Structures are given as structure tokens and as C-alpha cells.
Amino acid sequence: MNTPPLAGRARVAKAGAAKATATKAAKAAKAAPGQVRIIGGQWKRSRLPVAARPGLRPTPDRVRETLFNWLGQDLHGRHCLDAFAGSGALGLEAASRHAAQVLLVERDPGLCRQLQAHAQRLQAGNVRIQCGDGLAALRAPCAQQPQGWDVVFLDPPYAAGLDESALQLARRALTPDGWLYWESGREWGQAELAELGWQRRHYLRAGQVHAHLLALASVGAEA
């Protein structure tokens, strides 16, 4: 049997150790929760744990800061729907900024329980959690908010291919002068949005996040 040279054996051992360390780190990252930091309002600087889930990507602080510059720092009196709540970053940020009502809809039971824990910890009387499908919540806004929602946060999983159907349903969920905040895996231009009845008012890209603030086309044309 040929014995590998000492240097070769050292390289093999080093590569094996590196692989084991990377595997261990990957497992730890998968198991360890992340955090959401509320950046404004009454719960500013509150940090909330977020369970690891495939595809779960809380909206970054920079994007949320820009979004609430667009919407206004105080959402007093607004009724908001976070249709694919996930970590709750968007809906809880709105609630922190004094929205009258925020409905967080999430289909993952574990994330729903975590959202309930966040609401209890913050003593958020203006937050309700619904474990269910975000598209279903968009289809029947009258069951939750008869006049429609003032702000809808729409951040569906990028890989699910829900963009067009969610955009179509959201038109019926908004009040006539409401706002739709929408995250997508790509930028959508004004021409293709207009075909779906939307006017693009603001746009931001941050890494893989393409953030759009939309108004109903008829309102956008008048503004």
C-alpha cells in the first residue's frame, strides 16, 4: 500500500476538518433564530427573535426605514394588512407607528405562535394574528375590514410565483386611496404594472429585494 506523503495527509486532514466545521456551522445557522429590530415608533429598538425557516427573509432595516419615509412616520388611524407576515417585520413596524389595526396573516403554525408571542410581549392591542393563507385574506377583505385596507404589505415567497395573482387580488383589498407595498424578486416596470391596474409611485432595490410602493392606477393618474 502506498502511503500519501506527509504534506498530502496534512492537506486531506485540513480539508476534512474544514468540511466538518462548515457542516456544523450550517446546522447551527439553520437551527438558530435570527432577529427583527423595530426601527421606529413606540417599540423602537425592540428586538424580536425569528425562527429559521427556508425562504424566510425579514425586510431589511434600510428598506423598512425608506418605506416608512414614503408612507409617513406615523400611521395613526390606518388599517393595515400584512398578508404574508413571516417574521412580522412589516406589520409590527406599522403597529409600532400607531396604526389603528394591523392584521398579520401567516400560514406556518410555528411562525403564527411566534407572532402571537411578539404581540403579547409588546402588549400590542392593535395587532391581530390569523393563521391562514395570504391570498385568501386578500380575496375577502370585507370579512376583516369592510371599507378595505389603507395599507397592504405584500411580500410573498419569491419562488412561489404568486406575484401576478397577488397583485390582482390586492386591488380589491385596498381603499381607493390606499397604498400597496410590494416586495418582489425583480423590478416591475410601470407598463406591466399598468396592465394590472397599478401605478408605481416609488421603487428601491437593496440586494435581492425589489421594493415597490404602488397606488391604484386611477388614483396614481390623478396625483
Protein backbone atom coordinates (compact mmCIF):
# COMPACT_ATOMS: atom_id res chain seq x y z
CA MET A 1 0.00 0.00 0.00
CA ASN A 2 1.29 3.43 -0.93
CA THR A 3 1.23 5.88 1.96
CA PRO A 4 0.47 9.51 0.99
CA PRO A 5 3.30 11.96 1.67
CA LEU A 6 3.10 13.78 4.99
CA ALA A 7 2.15 17.06 3.33
CA GLY A 8 -0.61 15.31 1.40
CA ARG A 9 -2.00 13.72 4.54
CA ALA A 10 -1.98 17.12 6.24
CA ARG A 11 -3.91 18.69 3.39
CA VAL A 12 -6.51 15.89 3.47
CA ALA A 13 -6.88 16.22 7.25
CA LYS A 14 -7.18 20.01 6.98
CA ALA A 15 -9.83 19.73 4.24
CA GLY A 16 -11.78 17.19 6.30
CA ALA A 17 -11.69 19.42 9.37
CA ALA A 18 -12.81 22.45 7.33
CA LYS A 19 -15.69 20.46 5.87
CA ALA A 20 -16.79 19.28 9.32
CA THR A 21 -16.61 22.85 10.65
CA ALA A 22 -18.66 24.18 7.73
CA THR A 23 -21.27 21.46 8.19
CA LYS A 24 -21.50 22.21 11.90
CA ALA A 25 -21.84 25.94 11.24
CA ALA A 26 -24.54 25.36 8.62
CA LYS A 27 -26.53 23.23 11.05
CA ALA A 28 -26.16 25.83 13.78
CA ALA A 29 -27.26 28.62 11.43
CA LYS A 30 -30.28 26.62 10.40
CA ALA A 31 -31.31 25.94 13.98
CA ALA A 32 -30.54 29.36 15.44
CA PRO A 33 -33.19 32.08 15.23
CA GLY A 34 -32.50 35.46 13.73
CA GLN A 35 -33.85 38.76 14.96
CA VAL A 36 -36.14 41.52 13.83
CA ARG A 37 -35.41 45.00 15.13
CA ILE A 38 -38.25 47.51 15.17
CA ILE A 39 -36.74 50.76 13.96
CA GLY A 40 -39.38 53.38 14.78
CA GLY A 41 -42.42 54.25 16.84
CA GLN A 42 -43.39 53.26 20.37
CA TRP A 43 -41.42 49.98 20.31
CA LYS A 44 -38.31 51.43 18.68
CA ARG A 45 -35.17 49.31 19.17
CA SER A 46 -37.18 46.28 20.36
CA ARG A 47 -35.52 43.07 19.16
CA LEU A 48 -37.70 40.05 18.49
CA PRO A 49 -36.42 36.53 17.76
CA VAL A 50 -37.30 34.93 14.43
CA ALA A 51 -37.27 31.18 13.87
CA ALA A 52 -35.24 29.85 10.96
CA ARG A 53 -37.41 28.86 8.01
CA PRO A 54 -36.43 28.13 4.39
CA GLY A 55 -37.03 31.24 2.31
CA LEU A 56 -37.92 33.44 5.30
CA ARG A 57 -36.27 36.83 4.73
CA PRO A 58 -37.34 39.67 7.03
CA THR A 59 -37.43 43.02 5.23
CA PRO A 60 -34.06 44.71 5.94
CA ASP A 61 -33.89 47.71 8.26
CA ARG A 62 -32.78 50.03 5.44
CA VAL A 63 -35.76 49.08 3.28
CA ARG A 64 -38.24 49.47 6.16
CA GLU A 65 -36.79 52.85 7.02
CA THR A 66 -37.27 54.02 3.43
CA LEU A 67 -40.75 52.52 3.25
CA PHE A 68 -41.96 54.43 6.30
CA ASN A 69 -40.44 57.60 4.94
CA TRP A 70 -42.66 57.03 1.91
CA LEU A 71 -45.76 56.23 3.96
CA GLY A 72 -45.15 58.76 6.70
CA GLN A 73 -43.63 58.06 10.08
CA ASP A 74 -46.97 58.00 11.91
CA LEU A 75 -49.71 55.65 10.67
CA HIS A 76 -52.28 56.85 13.19
CA GLY A 77 -55.77 55.75 12.15
CA ARG A 78 -54.59 53.48 9.32
CA HIS A 79 -55.82 49.89 8.94
CA CYS A 80 -53.08 47.61 7.66
CA LEU A 81 -52.88 44.07 6.31
CA ASP A 82 -49.62 42.11 6.26
CA ALA A 83 -50.73 39.26 4.00
CA PHE A 84 -47.56 37.12 4.15
CA ALA A 85 -46.36 38.14 7.58
CA GLY A 86 -43.47 35.72 8.12
CA SER A 87 -41.28 37.39 10.73
CA GLY A 88 -43.84 40.17 11.26
CA ALA A 89 -41.25 42.84 10.48
CA LEU A 90 -43.56 44.94 8.31
CA GLY A 91 -46.80 44.61 10.25
CA LEU A 92 -45.21 45.10 13.66
CA GLU A 93 -43.36 48.16 12.38
CA ALA A 94 -46.72 49.61 11.26
CA ALA A 95 -48.28 48.80 14.63
CA SER A 96 -45.37 50.45 16.43
CA ARG A 97 -46.12 53.59 14.42
CA HIS A 98 -49.66 53.76 15.85
CA ALA A 99 -51.69 52.09 13.10
CA ALA A 100 -55.26 51.65 14.32
CA GLN A 101 -55.32 47.97 13.34
CA VAL A 102 -52.81 45.54 11.87
CA LEU A 103 -53.77 42.06 10.73
CA LEU A 104 -50.84 39.66 10.33
CA VAL A 105 -51.62 36.62 8.19
CA GLU A 106 -49.20 33.68 8.16
CA ARG A 107 -49.76 30.07 7.16
CA ASP A 108 -46.86 28.50 9.10
CA PRO A 109 -48.25 27.45 12.53
CA GLY A 110 -44.87 27.85 14.24
CA LEU A 111 -44.45 31.38 12.92
CA CYS A 112 -48.04 32.19 13.93
CA ARG A 113 -47.25 31.16 17.50
CA GLN A 114 -44.15 33.31 17.43
CA LEU A 115 -46.13 36.30 16.14
CA GLN A 116 -48.63 35.80 18.98
CA ALA A 117 -45.73 35.82 21.44
CA HIS A 118 -44.39 39.05 19.92
CA ALA A 119 -47.79 40.73 20.19
CA GLN A 120 -48.11 39.67 23.83
CA ARG A 121 -44.61 40.81 24.70
CA LEU A 122 -45.23 44.23 23.13
CA GLN A 123 -48.75 44.43 24.59
CA ALA A 124 -49.88 45.25 21.08
CA GLY A 125 -53.62 45.76 21.33
CA ASN A 126 -53.76 46.96 17.72
CA VAL A 127 -52.35 43.67 16.32
CA ARG A 128 -54.30 40.53 15.36
CA ILE A 129 -52.77 37.28 14.15
CA GLN A 130 -54.50 34.99 11.67
CA CYS A 131 -53.02 31.63 10.78
CA GLY A 132 -54.04 31.11 7.17
CA ASP A 133 -53.39 31.86 3.53
CA GLY A 134 -52.39 35.36 2.45
CA LEU A 135 -54.18 35.14 -0.89
CA ALA A 136 -57.40 34.13 0.90
CA ALA A 137 -57.09 37.20 3.11
CA LEU A 138 -56.77 39.37 0.01
CA ARG A 139 -59.82 37.72 -1.61
CA ALA A 140 -62.15 38.53 1.27
CA PRO A 141 -61.11 41.89 2.73
CA CYS A 142 -64.68 42.73 3.65
CA ALA A 143 -64.67 39.99 6.27
CA GLN A 144 -61.83 41.76 8.09
CA GLN A 145 -62.16 45.40 7.07
CA PRO A 146 -65.41 46.34 5.29
CA GLN A 147 -64.08 49.58 3.80
CA GLY A 148 -60.83 47.97 2.62
CA TRP A 149 -57.31 48.34 3.94
CA ASP A 150 -55.42 51.63 3.98
CA VAL A 151 -52.07 49.86 3.60
CA VAL A 152 -51.37 46.33 2.36
CA PHE A 153 -47.93 44.80 2.82
CA LEU A 154 -47.31 42.11 0.24
CA ASP A 155 -44.13 40.06 0.49
CA PRO A 156 -44.90 36.57 -0.88
CA PRO A 157 -42.21 33.90 -1.25
CA TYR A 158 -40.21 34.71 -4.37
CA ALA A 159 -40.14 31.11 -5.56
CA ALA A 160 -43.90 30.57 -5.23
CA GLY A 161 -44.81 32.51 -8.40
CA LEU A 162 -47.58 34.45 -6.64
CA ASP A 163 -46.74 37.95 -7.89
CA GLU A 164 -49.39 38.43 -10.56
CA SER A 165 -52.26 36.74 -8.72
CA ALA A 166 -51.44 38.60 -5.51
CA LEU A 167 -51.30 41.94 -7.33
CA GLN A 168 -54.68 41.30 -8.93
CA LEU A 169 -56.30 40.36 -5.62
CA ALA A 170 -54.76 43.29 -3.78
CA ARG A 171 -56.65 45.76 -6.00
CA ARG A 172 -59.91 44.71 -4.33
CA ALA A 173 -58.41 44.76 -0.85
CA LEU A 174 -57.36 48.43 -0.79
CA THR A 175 -59.33 51.56 -0.08
CA PRO A 176 -59.47 53.80 -3.20
CA ASP A 177 -56.57 55.94 -1.92
CA GLY A 178 -54.71 53.13 -0.17
CA TRP A 179 -51.11 52.04 -0.60
CA LEU A 180 -49.66 48.68 -1.59
CA TYR A 181 -46.12 47.92 -0.51
CA TRP A 182 -44.82 45.03 -2.57
CA GLU A 183 -41.54 43.11 -2.50
CA SER A 184 -40.52 41.01 -5.47
CA GLY A 185 -37.50 39.13 -6.73
CA ARG A 186 -37.25 41.55 -9.66
CA GLU A 187 -38.15 45.09 -10.65
CA TRP A 188 -41.54 45.57 -12.28
CA GLY A 189 -41.83 48.48 -14.68
CA GLN A 190 -44.69 50.93 -14.98
CA ALA A 191 -46.02 49.50 -18.24
CA GLU A 192 -46.53 45.96 -16.92
CA LEU A 193 -47.91 47.27 -13.63
CA ALA A 194 -50.39 49.45 -15.50
CA GLU A 195 -51.75 46.34 -17.24
CA LEU A 196 -52.63 45.00 -13.78
CA GLY A 197 -54.21 48.29 -12.66
CA TRP A 198 -51.32 49.78 -10.66
CA GLN A 199 -49.30 52.98 -10.67
CA ARG A 200 -45.73 52.73 -9.39
CA ARG A 201 -45.01 55.64 -7.06
CA HIS A 202 -41.68 54.61 -5.51
CA TYR A 203 -39.06 51.93 -6.09
CA LEU A 204 -35.96 50.77 -4.21
CA ARG A 205 -33.50 47.94 -4.72
CA ALA A 206 -31.45 46.60 -1.82
CA GLY A 207 -29.56 43.45 -2.72
CA GLN A 208 -32.08 40.86 -3.88
CA VAL A 209 -35.02 42.90 -2.56
CA HIS A 210 -37.01 44.91 -5.11
CA ALA A 211 -39.36 47.15 -3.13
CA HIS A 212 -42.28 48.90 -4.83
CA LEU A 213 -44.85 51.31 -3.41
CA LEU A 214 -47.98 51.21 -5.57
CA ALA A 215 -51.28 53.06 -5.79
CA LEU A 216 -54.36 52.09 -7.75
CA ALA A 217 -53.88 53.28 -11.33
CA SER A 218 -56.83 55.67 -11.33
CA VAL A 219 -55.57 57.37 -8.19
CA GLY A 220 -52.00 57.42 -9.44
CA ALA A 221 -53.10 59.13 -12.66
CA GLU A 222 -54.80 61.89 -10.70
CA ALA A 223 -51.90 62.51 -8.32
